[in-house]
Amino acid sequence: MRLLVTGGCGFIGSAYVRLALAEGHEVRVLDKLTYAGRPENIEGTGAELVEGAIEDPAVAGEAMAGCEAVVNFAAESHVDRSIADPEAFARTHVIGTSVLLDAVRERGVARYLQVSTDEVYGSIESGSFDESSPIQPSSPYSATKAAGDLLVSAHVHTYATEAVICRGSNNYGPRQYPEKLIPLMVLNALHGDSLPVYGDGRQVRNWLYMEDFARAIHTVLERGRPGEAYNAGGPDEMENLDVVRRILELTGRDESLIEHVTDRPGHDRRYSLGSEKIRSELGWEARVRFAEGLEQTVSWYRDNESWWEPIRSGDYREYYERQYGRALG
């Protein structure tokens, strides 16, 4: 197939681009190249890059020309930033998704996949969410992602659009922008900076290696039933504080670097996705256990300073100081 991958210069999007190319597909990437969109993430892959925003109908329609399927990764992805600027998230997740779906219909594109998140279900004390669980988002990020999912479902029902949704649990791995928990803690530990942990650090997350999620997305694109959503959950869950402690072990630092900071407003306590549907219907399951994936991730950041140093020495420093009330070392 010839694929349009929106947001393909980002963390998960670029992992998917590499997978799709390895599977023999042609890939065109449409990316706004915001702070987290890095062209070097797909450099040398052979993917065609078009710079532009999915919420621009002319740009989206032109980028889609000649494509047989669209995989929509384009997103503002950090909950903290959504609390500070919810409008930016609404533009991308709601208006952008609407524009893409209209273009799919107008251009006669055969297949559309919406990349979504476990956060649309909200927090769960025990057990795991499945695809029949109610949508109960609790942040501007998750609320706007849920709105995008509902638009997809509406287009399937109203226009018979061949569309599917794939929701992943917390992704991690190489090339993740260091505002997220794992790369933030890895880079701070490597530099001997304090590691800011929200609240008591007992929030539980279900961790999924980004290459496993890329495989789940491609499986759903190729074989998922139109109109259906599929959850892709990671094989392991862990409290954030235990993740931080393991990172300290892997980087040779001690726990004196841990600094508990004021918790995020409305912080969800626990996420957990069940993957029975995608496993039984489509044959996907996660391959990388968290212990192995975390070791690989820490090693990648240790060995790829040329990728992250321009980030830590740029605008990210100002963001970090605003967010945590202290400067990076």
Protein backbone atom coordinates (compact mmCIF):
# COMPACT_ATOMS: atom_id res chain seq x y z
CA MET A 1 0.00 0.00 0.00
CA ARG A 2 0.87 3.65 -0.28
CA LEU A 3 0.36 5.07 3.21
CA LEU A 4 -0.03 8.58 4.54
CA VAL A 5 1.32 8.63 8.10
CA THR A 6 0.45 11.85 9.91
CA GLY A 7 2.73 12.76 12.80
CA GLY A 8 5.29 10.33 11.43
CA CYS A 9 8.28 12.33 12.71
CA GLY A 10 7.23 11.83 16.32
CA PHE A 11 8.20 9.10 18.74
CA ILE A 12 5.61 6.38 18.00
CA GLY A 13 4.90 7.61 14.47
CA SER A 14 8.51 7.20 13.38
CA ALA A 15 8.61 3.68 14.86
CA TYR A 16 5.59 2.86 12.73
CA VAL A 17 7.16 4.42 9.62
CA ARG A 18 10.19 2.18 9.99
CA LEU A 19 7.97 -0.87 10.42
CA ALA A 20 5.73 -0.05 7.44
CA LEU A 21 8.73 0.49 5.17
CA ALA A 22 10.27 -2.79 6.32
CA GLU A 23 6.97 -4.47 5.38
CA GLY A 24 7.33 -3.15 1.83
CA HIS A 25 4.83 -0.27 1.87
CA GLU A 26 5.41 3.18 0.43
CA VAL A 27 5.17 5.89 3.08
CA ARG A 28 4.46 9.60 2.88
CA VAL A 29 4.72 11.49 6.19
CA LEU A 30 2.71 14.62 6.96
CA ASP A 31 4.05 16.36 10.05
CA LYS A 32 3.72 19.87 11.48
CA LEU A 33 7.22 19.50 12.99
CA THR A 34 6.37 20.94 16.37
CA TYR A 35 8.88 20.66 19.22
CA ALA A 36 8.44 16.85 19.38
CA GLY A 37 8.44 16.22 15.62
CA ARG A 38 12.02 15.42 14.66
CA PRO A 39 12.82 14.94 10.92
CA GLU A 40 15.96 13.01 11.94
CA ASN A 41 13.65 10.31 13.35
CA ILE A 42 12.89 9.18 9.78
CA GLU A 43 16.09 10.36 8.10
CA GLY A 44 17.48 7.77 5.72
CA THR A 45 14.36 5.58 5.83
CA GLY A 46 13.13 6.46 2.34
CA ALA A 47 9.88 7.98 3.60
CA GLU A 48 8.66 11.12 1.81
CA LEU A 49 8.22 14.06 4.18
CA VAL A 50 5.59 16.80 3.73
CA GLU A 51 5.57 19.59 6.31
CA GLY A 52 2.12 20.80 7.28
CA ALA A 53 -0.79 20.61 9.71
CA ILE A 54 -3.61 18.07 9.54
CA GLU A 55 -6.11 20.79 10.48
CA ASP A 56 -5.39 22.56 7.17
CA PRO A 57 -7.84 21.05 4.63
CA ALA A 58 -5.74 21.96 1.58
CA VAL A 59 -2.56 20.47 3.05
CA ALA A 60 -4.30 17.33 4.31
CA GLY A 61 -6.11 16.70 1.03
CA GLU A 62 -3.01 17.19 -1.11
CA ALA A 63 -0.87 14.97 1.14
CA MET A 64 -3.51 12.25 0.88
CA ALA A 65 -3.54 12.22 -2.93
CA GLY A 66 -2.71 8.77 -4.28
CA CYS A 67 -2.69 7.11 -0.86
CA GLU A 68 -4.68 3.97 -0.11
CA ALA A 69 -4.66 4.31 3.67
CA VAL A 70 -4.15 6.97 6.35
CA VAL A 71 -2.66 6.28 9.78
CA ASN A 72 -3.19 9.25 12.08
CA PHE A 73 -0.52 9.69 14.76
CA ALA A 74 -0.66 13.51 14.68
CA ALA A 75 -1.15 14.63 18.27
CA GLU A 76 -0.18 16.93 21.05
CA SER A 77 0.76 14.20 23.47
CA HIS A 78 1.72 15.52 26.90
CA VAL A 79 -0.93 15.85 29.62
CA ASP A 80 0.99 18.63 31.42
CA ARG A 81 1.00 20.75 28.27
CA SER A 82 -2.72 20.13 27.74
CA ILE A 83 -3.44 21.56 31.18
CA ALA A 84 -1.50 24.71 30.26
CA ASP A 85 -2.89 25.08 26.70
CA PRO A 86 -5.99 22.96 26.02
CA GLU A 87 -6.88 24.85 22.84
CA ALA A 88 -3.84 23.53 20.97
CA PHE A 89 -4.95 19.98 21.79
CA ALA A 90 -8.48 20.65 20.55
CA ARG A 91 -7.17 22.01 17.25
CA THR A 92 -5.09 18.92 16.51
CA HIS A 93 -7.18 16.14 18.04
CA VAL A 94 -10.67 17.39 17.16
CA ILE A 95 -10.44 19.78 14.20
CA GLY A 96 -7.49 17.89 12.70
CA THR A 97 -9.23 14.52 12.93
CA SER A 98 -12.39 15.99 11.41
CA VAL A 99 -10.42 17.44 8.49
CA LEU A 100 -8.65 14.14 7.85
CA LEU A 101 -11.89 12.15 7.90
CA ASP A 102 -13.53 14.57 5.45
CA ALA A 103 -10.52 14.29 3.13
CA VAL A 104 -10.61 10.47 3.35
CA ARG A 105 -14.23 10.52 2.20
CA GLU A 106 -13.67 13.10 -0.53
CA ARG A 107 -10.53 11.38 -1.87
CA GLY A 108 -11.97 7.89 -1.73
CA VAL A 109 -9.18 6.59 0.54
CA ALA A 110 -9.82 2.92 1.30
CA ARG A 111 -8.78 2.76 4.95
CA TYR A 112 -8.26 5.05 7.94
CA LEU A 113 -6.72 4.24 11.34
CA GLN A 114 -6.94 6.50 14.37
CA VAL A 115 -4.12 6.08 16.88
CA SER A 116 -5.54 6.58 20.36
CA THR A 117 -4.71 6.07 24.02
CA ASP A 118 -5.74 4.19 27.16
CA GLU A 119 -6.31 7.58 28.78
CA VAL A 120 -9.70 7.98 27.06
CA TYR A 121 -11.05 5.45 29.57
CA GLY A 122 -9.85 7.38 32.62
CA SER A 123 -8.47 5.77 35.76
CA ILE A 124 -9.25 2.24 37.00
CA GLU A 125 -8.62 0.97 40.56
CA SER A 126 -8.37 -2.72 39.69
CA GLY A 127 -8.70 -4.97 36.65
CA SER A 128 -8.31 -3.70 33.08
CA PHE A 129 -10.34 -1.73 30.59
CA ASP A 130 -11.72 -3.50 27.53
CA GLU A 131 -13.22 -1.98 24.39
CA SER A 132 -16.73 -1.94 25.91
CA SER A 133 -15.60 0.17 28.89
CA PRO A 134 -17.14 3.66 29.02
CA ILE A 135 -15.12 6.61 27.76
CA GLN A 136 -14.38 8.79 30.81
CA PRO A 137 -11.39 11.07 30.05
CA SER A 138 -10.09 13.27 32.83
CA SER A 139 -7.63 15.72 31.23
CA PRO A 140 -7.77 18.07 28.25
CA TYR A 141 -5.40 15.68 26.47
CA SER A 142 -7.53 12.59 26.96
CA ALA A 143 -10.82 14.46 26.43
CA THR A 144 -9.75 15.74 23.03
CA LYS A 145 -8.36 12.32 22.07
CA ALA A 146 -11.73 10.80 23.03
CA ALA A 147 -13.48 13.41 20.88
CA GLY A 148 -11.35 12.34 17.92
CA ASP A 149 -12.28 8.71 18.52
CA LEU A 150 -15.97 9.61 18.62
CA LEU A 151 -15.63 11.49 15.33
CA VAL A 152 -14.17 8.35 13.76
CA SER A 153 -17.10 6.29 15.01
CA ALA A 154 -19.54 8.91 13.70
CA HIS A 155 -17.97 8.82 10.23
CA VAL A 156 -18.19 5.03 10.17
CA HIS A 157 -21.88 5.19 11.11
CA THR A 158 -22.88 8.16 8.94
CA TYR A 159 -20.66 7.82 5.87
CA ALA A 160 -19.66 4.11 6.02
CA THR A 161 -16.00 5.17 6.25
CA GLU A 162 -13.62 2.19 6.47
CA ALA A 163 -12.05 3.29 9.75
CA VAL A 164 -10.60 1.57 12.82
CA ILE A 165 -9.15 2.73 16.15
CA CYS A 166 -6.13 1.34 18.03
CA ARG A 167 -5.64 2.41 21.66
CA GLY A 168 -2.28 1.82 23.32
CA SER A 169 -1.12 1.84 26.91
CA ASN A 170 1.86 3.95 28.04
CA ASN A 171 4.53 3.74 25.36
CA TYR A 172 8.27 4.00 25.98
CA GLY A 173 11.49 3.42 24.05
CA PRO A 174 14.15 5.27 22.03
CA ARG A 175 13.49 8.70 20.54
CA GLN A 176 10.82 9.73 23.05
CA TYR A 177 10.86 13.45 23.85
CA PRO A 178 12.20 13.95 27.40
CA GLU A 179 9.11 15.59 28.86
CA LYS A 180 7.72 12.05 29.38
CA LEU A 181 8.51 10.08 32.53
CA ILE A 182 11.08 7.56 31.33
CA PRO A 183 13.29 9.72 29.06
CA LEU A 184 13.08 12.63 31.51
CA MET A 185 14.30 10.44 34.36
CA VAL A 186 16.97 8.72 32.25
CA LEU A 187 18.54 11.97 31.05
CA ASN A 188 18.36 13.61 34.47
CA ALA A 189 19.98 10.56 36.04
CA LEU A 190 22.74 10.50 33.42
CA HIS A 191 23.47 14.16 34.24
CA GLY A 192 23.18 13.78 38.03
CA ASP A 193 20.16 16.12 38.17
CA SER A 194 17.31 15.58 40.61
CA LEU A 195 14.47 13.34 39.40
CA PRO A 196 11.10 15.11 39.92
CA VAL A 197 8.43 12.56 40.90
CA TYR A 198 4.80 13.71 41.02
CA GLY A 199 3.13 13.29 44.40
CA ASP A 200 3.88 10.02 46.14
CA GLY A 201 4.91 8.36 42.88
CA ARG A 202 2.50 5.45 43.41
CA GLN A 203 0.63 6.01 40.14
CA VAL A 204 0.47 2.74 38.18
CA ARG A 205 1.07 2.53 34.44
CA ASN A 206 0.82 -0.36 31.96
CA TRP A 207 4.04 -0.15 29.89
CA LEU A 208 4.20 -0.99 26.17
CA TYR A 209 7.39 -0.88 24.09
CA MET A 210 6.84 1.39 21.08
CA GLU A 211 7.79 -1.29 18.51
CA ASP A 212 5.11 -3.56 19.95
CA PHE A 213 2.56 -0.77 19.61
CA ALA A 214 3.68 -0.13 16.03
CA ARG A 215 3.02 -3.81 15.26
CA ALA A 216 -0.41 -3.59 16.90
CA ILE A 217 -1.33 -0.56 14.80
CA HIS A 218 -0.24 -2.23 11.58
CA THR A 219 -2.14 -5.40 12.49
CA VAL A 220 -5.32 -3.41 13.11
CA LEU A 221 -4.84 -1.42 9.90
CA GLU A 222 -4.56 -4.57 7.83
CA ARG A 223 -7.07 -6.86 9.55
CA GLY A 224 -9.23 -4.93 12.00
CA ARG A 225 -12.98 -4.85 11.42
CA PRO A 226 -14.27 -1.45 10.21
CA GLY A 227 -15.85 0.57 12.99
CA GLU A 228 -14.09 -1.36 15.74
CA ALA A 229 -11.63 -0.22 18.40
CA TYR A 230 -8.80 -2.47 19.57
CA ASN A 231 -6.83 -2.10 22.81
CA ALA A 232 -3.10 -2.88 22.83
CA GLY A 233 -1.89 -3.16 26.41
CA GLY A 234 1.64 -3.74 27.62
CA PRO A 235 2.70 -6.99 29.31
CA ASP A 236 3.73 -5.37 32.61
CA GLU A 237 2.52 -2.66 34.96
CA MET A 238 4.56 -0.81 37.54
CA GLU A 239 4.31 2.14 39.89
CA ASN A 240 6.08 5.26 38.65
CA LEU A 241 8.33 5.37 41.71
CA ASP A 242 9.55 1.82 41.04
CA VAL A 243 10.26 2.76 37.40
CA VAL A 244 12.37 5.68 38.63
CA ARG A 245 14.25 3.45 41.07
CA ARG A 246 15.04 0.96 38.31
CA ILE A 247 16.34 3.77 36.08
CA LEU A 248 18.62 4.88 38.90
CA GLU A 249 19.99 1.34 39.13
CA LEU A 250 20.59 1.16 35.39
CA THR A 251 22.39 4.51 35.34
CA GLY A 252 24.48 3.85 38.46
CA ARG A 253 22.84 6.59 40.54
CA ASP A 254 21.37 6.43 44.05
CA GLU A 255 17.91 7.28 45.31
CA SER A 256 19.04 10.55 46.89
CA LEU A 257 18.34 12.12 43.47
CA ILE A 258 14.58 11.46 43.82
CA GLU A 259 12.64 14.65 44.57
CA HIS A 260 8.88 14.45 45.20
CA VAL A 261 7.14 17.49 43.67
CA THR A 262 3.57 18.80 43.69
CA ASP A 263 1.30 16.34 41.94
CA ARG A 264 -0.24 17.05 38.54
CA PRO A 265 -3.83 18.42 38.77
CA GLY A 266 -6.35 15.63 38.25
CA HIS A 267 -3.60 12.99 37.99
CA ASP A 268 -5.07 9.59 37.07
CA ARG A 269 -4.02 6.94 39.57
CA ARG A 270 -3.91 3.80 37.44
CA TYR A 271 -4.26 2.79 33.79
CA SER A 272 -4.59 -0.78 32.57
CA LEU A 273 -5.62 -2.08 29.16
CA GLY A 274 -6.79 -5.60 28.42
CA SER A 275 -5.70 -6.95 25.02
CA GLU A 276 -7.91 -10.03 24.69
CA LYS A 277 -9.78 -8.74 21.63
CA ILE A 278 -6.73 -7.92 19.52
CA ARG A 279 -5.04 -11.13 20.67
CA SER A 280 -7.96 -13.46 19.94
CA GLU A 281 -9.22 -11.79 16.75
CA LEU A 282 -6.00 -10.59 15.13
CA GLY A 283 -3.22 -12.61 16.77
CA TRP A 284 -1.21 -9.69 18.20
CA GLU A 285 0.52 -9.73 21.55
CA ALA A 286 3.34 -7.73 23.08
CA ARG A 287 6.78 -9.32 22.79
CA VAL A 288 9.02 -7.03 24.85
CA ARG A 289 8.81 -7.31 28.63
CA PHE A 290 9.32 -4.08 30.55
CA ALA A 291 12.63 -5.06 32.18
CA GLU A 292 14.19 -5.80 28.78
CA GLY A 293 12.69 -2.76 27.06
CA LEU A 294 13.79 -0.39 29.82
CA GLU A 295 17.38 -1.64 29.62
CA GLN A 296 17.36 -1.14 25.84
CA THR A 297 15.89 2.34 26.26
CA VAL A 298 18.46 3.48 28.83
CA SER A 299 21.27 2.12 26.63
CA TRP A 300 19.92 4.00 23.60
CA TYR A 301 19.85 7.35 25.42
CA ARG A 302 23.30 6.73 26.84
CA ASP A 303 24.67 6.04 23.34
CA ASN A 304 22.82 8.75 21.40
CA GLU A 305 23.73 12.07 22.97
CA SER A 306 23.69 13.69 19.51
CA TRP A 307 19.91 13.08 19.38
CA TRP A 308 18.95 14.50 22.77
CA GLU A 309 21.61 17.14 23.50
CA PRO A 310 20.05 19.76 21.16
CA ILE A 311 16.78 19.27 23.06
CA ARG A 312 18.24 19.65 26.54
CA SER A 313 20.22 22.72 25.53
CA GLY A 314 17.27 24.43 23.75
CA ASP A 315 13.73 25.60 24.58
CA TYR A 316 13.20 22.48 26.67
CA ARG A 317 15.24 24.10 29.45
CA GLU A 318 12.69 26.91 29.77
CA TYR A 319 9.80 24.44 29.72
CA TYR A 320 11.46 22.34 32.42
CA GLU A 321 12.03 25.33 34.69
CA ARG A 322 8.40 26.47 34.30
CA GLN A 323 7.13 22.96 34.99
CA TYR A 324 9.30 22.00 37.95
CA GLY A 325 10.40 25.35 39.39
CA ARG A 326 14.11 24.61 39.03
CA ALA A 327 16.70 24.80 36.26
CA LEU A 328 18.38 21.78 34.72
CA GLY A 329 21.96 21.29 35.81
